[in-house]
Protein backbone atom coordinates (compact mmCIF):
# COMPACT_ATOMS: atom_id res chain seq x y z
CA UNK A 1 -0.03 -0.16 -0.04
CA UNK A 2 0.99 3.42 -0.85
CA UNK A 3 1.07 6.49 1.65
CA UNK A 4 0.31 10.03 1.94
CA UNK A 5 3.35 12.53 2.15
CA UNK A 6 2.05 15.06 3.99
CA UNK A 7 5.21 17.13 3.28
CA UNK A 8 4.37 17.55 -0.58
CA UNK A 9 0.85 17.36 -0.36
CA UNK A 10 0.90 14.36 -2.59
CA UNK A 11 0.64 10.75 -2.85
CA UNK A 12 3.11 8.45 -3.39
CA UNK A 13 2.76 6.31 -6.27
CA UNK A 14 4.34 4.02 -9.13
CA UNK A 15 3.84 6.96 -11.57
CA UNK A 16 1.92 9.87 -12.39
CA UNK A 17 -1.61 10.06 -10.99
CA UNK A 18 -3.16 11.18 -14.44
CA UNK A 19 -6.21 12.64 -14.53
CA UNK A 20 -8.13 12.65 -11.24
CA UNK A 21 -11.83 12.37 -10.22
CA UNK A 22 -12.52 13.46 -6.68
CA UNK A 23 -15.81 12.19 -4.80
CA UNK A 24 -16.76 13.79 -1.84
CA UNK A 25 -19.55 12.38 0.55
CA UNK A 26 -20.70 15.23 2.08
CA UNK A 27 -22.81 14.14 4.88
CA UNK A 28 -20.19 11.56 6.08
CA UNK A 29 -17.44 14.05 5.91
CA UNK A 30 -19.49 16.93 7.67
CA UNK A 31 -20.18 13.99 10.59
CA UNK A 32 -16.79 13.18 11.04
CA UNK A 33 -15.33 16.22 10.60
CA UNK A 34 -17.64 17.29 13.19
CA UNK A 35 -16.67 14.70 15.58
CA UNK A 36 -12.84 15.76 15.58
CA UNK A 37 -13.75 19.17 15.85
CA UNK A 38 -12.14 20.26 12.48
CA UNK A 39 -13.74 22.74 10.21
CA UNK A 40 -12.99 21.78 6.39
CA UNK A 41 -11.77 24.34 4.18
CA UNK A 42 -12.66 22.88 0.70
CA UNK A 43 -10.46 24.72 -0.99
CA UNK A 44 -7.54 23.90 0.47
CA UNK A 45 -8.97 20.22 0.52
CA UNK A 46 -9.16 20.24 -3.68
CA UNK A 47 -5.53 21.30 -3.58
CA UNK A 48 -4.37 18.73 -1.04
CA UNK A 49 -6.33 16.10 -2.78
CA UNK A 50 -5.38 17.08 -6.20
CA UNK A 51 -1.87 17.04 -5.95
CA UNK A 52 0.33 16.10 -9.05
CA UNK A 53 -2.03 15.34 -10.67
CA UNK A 54 -4.72 17.25 -12.91
CA UNK A 55 -8.41 17.65 -12.24
CA UNK A 56 -10.83 16.11 -14.01
CA UNK A 57 -14.16 16.63 -11.59
CA UNK A 58 -14.22 17.11 -8.52
CA UNK A 59 -17.97 16.05 -7.10
CA UNK A 60 -19.47 16.88 -3.95
CA UNK A 61 -22.74 15.14 -2.69
CA UNK A 62 -25.44 16.30 0.02
CA UNK A 63 -28.86 16.45 1.17
CA UNK A 64 -30.30 19.42 0.82
CA UNK A 65 -33.50 21.58 2.58
CA UNK A 66 -35.21 23.72 0.35
CA UNK A 67 -35.70 25.87 3.12
CA UNK A 68 -32.30 26.80 4.66
CA UNK A 69 -31.33 29.36 3.16
CA UNK A 70 -27.34 29.49 4.22
CA UNK A 71 -27.22 26.06 2.91
CA UNK A 72 -27.95 27.33 -0.71
CA UNK A 73 -25.69 29.79 -0.20
CA UNK A 74 -22.90 27.18 0.80
CA UNK A 75 -23.50 24.90 -2.46
CA UNK A 76 -23.77 28.08 -4.90
CA UNK A 77 -20.13 29.13 -3.19
CA UNK A 78 -19.32 25.18 -3.78
CA UNK A 79 -20.03 25.80 -7.49
CA UNK A 80 -18.31 28.47 -8.28
CA UNK A 81 -15.07 27.06 -6.56
CA UNK A 82 -14.59 24.36 -8.88
CA UNK A 83 -16.97 21.77 -7.20
CA UNK A 84 -20.10 19.35 -9.40
CA UNK A 85 -22.60 19.45 -6.43
CA UNK A 86 -24.97 16.50 -6.54
CA UNK A 87 -27.87 17.17 -4.33
CA UNK A 88 -30.77 14.99 -2.99
CA UNK A 89 -33.41 16.65 -1.18
CA UNK A 90 -33.88 15.59 2.95
CA UNK A 91 -36.56 12.99 3.74
CA UNK A 92 -38.45 12.92 6.91
CA UNK A 93 -38.66 9.72 8.51
CA UNK A 94 -41.45 8.39 11.17
CA UNK A 95 -39.07 8.87 13.81
CA UNK A 96 -38.45 12.59 13.08
CA UNK A 97 -35.51 12.18 11.86
CA UNK A 98 -33.97 14.05 8.06
CA UNK A 99 -31.46 12.22 5.51
CA UNK A 100 -30.56 11.73 2.30
CA UNK A 101 -28.73 8.58 1.13
CA UNK A 102 -26.30 9.21 -1.93
CA UNK A 103 -24.14 6.39 -1.85
CA UNK A 104 -26.03 4.76 -5.07
CA UNK A 105 -25.73 8.21 -6.77
CA UNK A 106 -21.56 8.14 -5.85
CA UNK A 107 -20.89 4.32 -6.65
CA UNK A 108 -22.50 5.02 -10.31
CA UNK A 109 -20.86 8.12 -10.92
CA UNK A 110 -17.54 6.44 -9.93
CA UNK A 111 -18.23 3.20 -12.34
CA UNK A 112 -19.64 5.40 -15.04
CA UNK A 113 -16.82 7.29 -15.56
CA UNK A 114 -13.89 4.78 -14.46
CA UNK A 115 -11.87 4.97 -17.77
CA UNK A 116 -12.30 8.81 -18.35
CA UNK A 117 -10.01 9.60 -15.15
CA UNK A 118 -6.73 7.65 -14.00
CA UNK A 119 -7.38 8.18 -10.45
CA UNK A 120 -10.34 7.93 -8.34
CA UNK A 121 -10.21 9.79 -4.92
CA UNK A 122 -13.08 8.68 -2.59
CA UNK A 123 -13.41 11.03 0.64
CA UNK A 124 -15.86 8.78 2.89
CA UNK A 125 -15.40 6.18 5.55
CA UNK A 126 -18.36 4.32 4.60
CA UNK A 127 -17.82 0.48 4.64
CA UNK A 128 -20.67 0.36 1.90
CA UNK A 129 -18.29 1.83 -0.64
CA UNK A 130 -15.97 -1.61 -0.50
CA UNK A 131 -17.89 -3.14 -3.65
CA UNK A 132 -17.78 -0.25 -5.83
CA UNK A 133 -14.03 0.95 -4.54
CA UNK A 134 -13.11 -2.91 -5.94
CA UNK A 135 -15.25 -2.43 -9.28
CA UNK A 136 -13.56 0.59 -10.16
CA UNK A 137 -9.90 -1.12 -9.36
CA UNK A 138 -11.13 -4.11 -11.51
CA UNK A 139 -11.20 -1.66 -14.46
CA UNK A 140 -8.12 -0.15 -14.32
CA UNK A 141 -8.32 2.97 -12.41
CA UNK A 142 -6.19 3.81 -9.19
CA UNK A 143 -8.35 4.56 -6.30
CA UNK A 144 -7.43 6.53 -3.10
CA UNK A 145 -9.77 6.40 0.25
CA UNK A 146 -9.68 9.78 2.34
CA UNK A 147 -11.28 10.22 5.95
CA UNK A 148 -10.25 10.17 9.55
CA UNK A 149 -8.84 6.63 10.28
CA UNK A 150 -10.96 6.30 13.06
CA UNK A 151 -14.15 7.24 11.13
CA UNK A 152 -13.12 4.74 8.00
CA UNK A 153 -14.00 1.19 7.88
CA UNK A 154 -10.46 -1.40 7.75
CA UNK A 155 -12.18 -3.15 4.86
CA UNK A 156 -12.17 0.23 2.98
CA UNK A 157 -8.82 1.28 3.61
CA UNK A 158 -7.72 -2.37 2.50
CA UNK A 159 -8.92 -2.32 -0.70
CA UNK A 160 -7.80 0.91 -1.66
CA UNK A 161 -4.35 1.58 -3.27
CA UNK A 162 -3.82 4.62 -1.07
CA UNK A 163 -5.18 5.89 2.11
CA UNK A 164 -5.08 9.20 3.29
CA UNK A 165 -5.67 10.08 6.84
CA UNK A 166 -7.22 13.62 7.02
CA UNK A 167 -6.53 13.85 11.04
CA UNK A 168 -2.50 13.85 9.96
CA UNK A 169 -3.00 16.46 7.68
CA UNK A 170 -6.09 18.39 9.48
CA UNK A 171 -3.59 21.78 9.43
CA UNK A 172 -3.52 21.69 5.52
CA UNK A 173 -7.23 21.49 5.54
CA UNK A 174 -8.69 23.20 8.57
CA UNK A 175 -10.60 26.53 7.96
CA UNK A 176 -8.73 29.51 9.86
CA UNK A 177 -11.37 30.95 12.31
CA UNK A 178 -11.16 33.97 13.63
CA UNK A 179 -8.81 34.72 16.85
CA UNK A 180 -10.12 33.59 20.05
CA UNK A 181 -13.60 31.75 18.25
CA UNK A 182 -13.97 28.72 19.75
CA UNK A 183 -15.90 26.01 17.48
CA UNK A 184 -18.88 25.65 18.76
CA UNK A 185 -18.96 29.73 18.61
CA UNK A 186 -19.31 29.30 14.30
CA UNK A 187 -21.49 27.84 11.82
CA UNK A 188 -20.09 24.72 10.21
CA UNK A 189 -19.02 25.34 6.30
CA UNK A 190 -19.25 29.33 6.86
CA UNK A 191 -17.94 31.08 3.77
CA UNK A 192 -17.15 34.93 5.07
CA UNK A 193 -17.96 37.68 2.53
CA UNK A 194 -14.96 40.37 2.80
CA UNK A 195 -15.49 43.30 4.48
CA UNK A 196 -17.85 46.26 2.77
CA UNK A 197 -16.52 49.29 0.99
CA UNK A 198 -15.98 52.03 2.70
CA UNK A 199 -18.88 53.53 0.85
CA UNK A 200 -21.22 51.47 3.04
CA UNK A 201 -20.09 52.73 5.98
CA UNK A 202 -22.09 55.86 7.23
CA UNK A 203 -19.49 58.35 8.59
CA UNK A 204 -19.54 59.51 11.91
CA UNK A 205 -20.86 62.78 13.46
CA UNK A 206 -17.98 65.27 14.09
CA UNK A 207 -17.12 66.09 17.57
CA UNK A 208 -18.23 69.52 18.92
CA UNK A 209 -15.78 72.14 19.34
CA UNK A 210 -13.04 71.52 22.43
CA UNK A 211 -14.42 68.33 23.19
CA UNK A 212 -12.59 64.91 23.55
CA UNK A 213 -12.34 62.84 20.48
CA UNK A 214 -15.01 60.20 21.13
CA UNK A 215 -14.36 56.49 20.38
CA UNK A 216 -15.74 55.17 17.45
CA UNK A 217 -16.87 51.63 16.99
CA UNK A 218 -15.77 49.22 14.59
CA UNK A 219 -18.67 49.00 12.03
CA UNK A 220 -20.75 45.70 12.17
CA UNK A 221 -19.62 43.70 8.92
CA UNK A 222 -22.09 40.70 9.56
CA UNK A 223 -24.56 43.12 9.13
CA UNK A 224 -23.69 43.75 5.38
CA UNK A 225 -22.46 40.33 4.82
CA UNK A 226 -23.64 37.50 6.61
CA UNK A 227 -21.98 34.13 6.97
CA UNK A 228 -23.13 31.79 4.28
CA UNK A 229 -23.37 28.10 4.88
CA UNK A 230 -24.07 24.98 6.58
CA UNK A 231 -24.60 21.56 5.08
CA UNK A 232 -26.73 20.14 7.74
CA UNK A 233 -28.93 22.00 10.61
CA UNK A 234 -28.04 20.07 12.98
CA UNK A 235 -27.49 20.73 17.08
CA UNK A 236 -24.03 20.60 18.02
CA UNK A 237 -24.70 17.27 19.74
CA UNK A 238 -26.88 15.45 17.09
CA UNK A 239 -25.13 11.97 16.71
CA UNK A 240 -22.57 12.13 18.67
CA UNK A 241 -23.61 10.20 22.08
CA UNK A 242 -22.82 6.93 20.40
CA UNK A 243 -19.09 8.17 19.90
CA UNK A 244 -16.67 6.82 22.15
CA UNK A 245 -13.17 8.02 22.26
CA UNK A 246 -11.64 4.59 23.54
CA UNK A 247 -13.36 3.24 20.40
CA UNK A 248 -10.46 1.63 17.62
CA UNK A 249 -13.43 2.39 14.82
CA UNK A 250 -16.16 4.36 14.49
CA UNK A 251 -18.17 3.79 11.58
CA UNK A 252 -19.98 7.25 9.97
CA UNK A 253 -22.81 6.22 7.48
CA UNK A 254 -25.51 8.62 6.19
CA UNK A 255 -27.71 7.29 8.96
CA UNK A 256 -26.01 9.19 11.61
């Protein structure tokens, strides 16, 4: 098995990786990253996963809530930054849970495009993809699996040509947060817009003569450019109660 060289941001291989197709299981990555207290910067992730290859396509699969404006804003940002977004509307089940399973869509795309790319990069830890990974490998394509080791099924790691542990390269794909901000205080998958131009900021009134200069408060940037993007509207503790830090392997699937 080949290994990931975190220094050069490319995986060691027996030849060039050629055209690279990236398949990101958005729901699986969201839960795994949340468990590890990491907010993913998708621009950084794309560059790291591409390495020395040539990008064929980068797919992002996720369930969507039609009424979630911030999520729609995030997905629009993804489309404008090199990702092909494949989405399915969330379904509400009898127990009140809402989910959308896109395993079939991911497997079909990987197989139908095999032969048009040289390397498939699957970002998921779901054991359900073992058969699809094998089928793609039988077609002569190199298959790399990306995920957090504790959240990735061992069988999926075993069938891959290369496994890239996101935990080992977390600092290379982590979103930079504002100084002093805790993980719980910001939105998941937030894309901050630039500050407003000076013309948007109302000038402060001039102080009266001979009076001390008043302290002018900083303008509220978010009043003009609110944060956008949240893959799934979920409470911070949703789905995490079953995880145990002592477990060797934690399986993350769409059911979570």
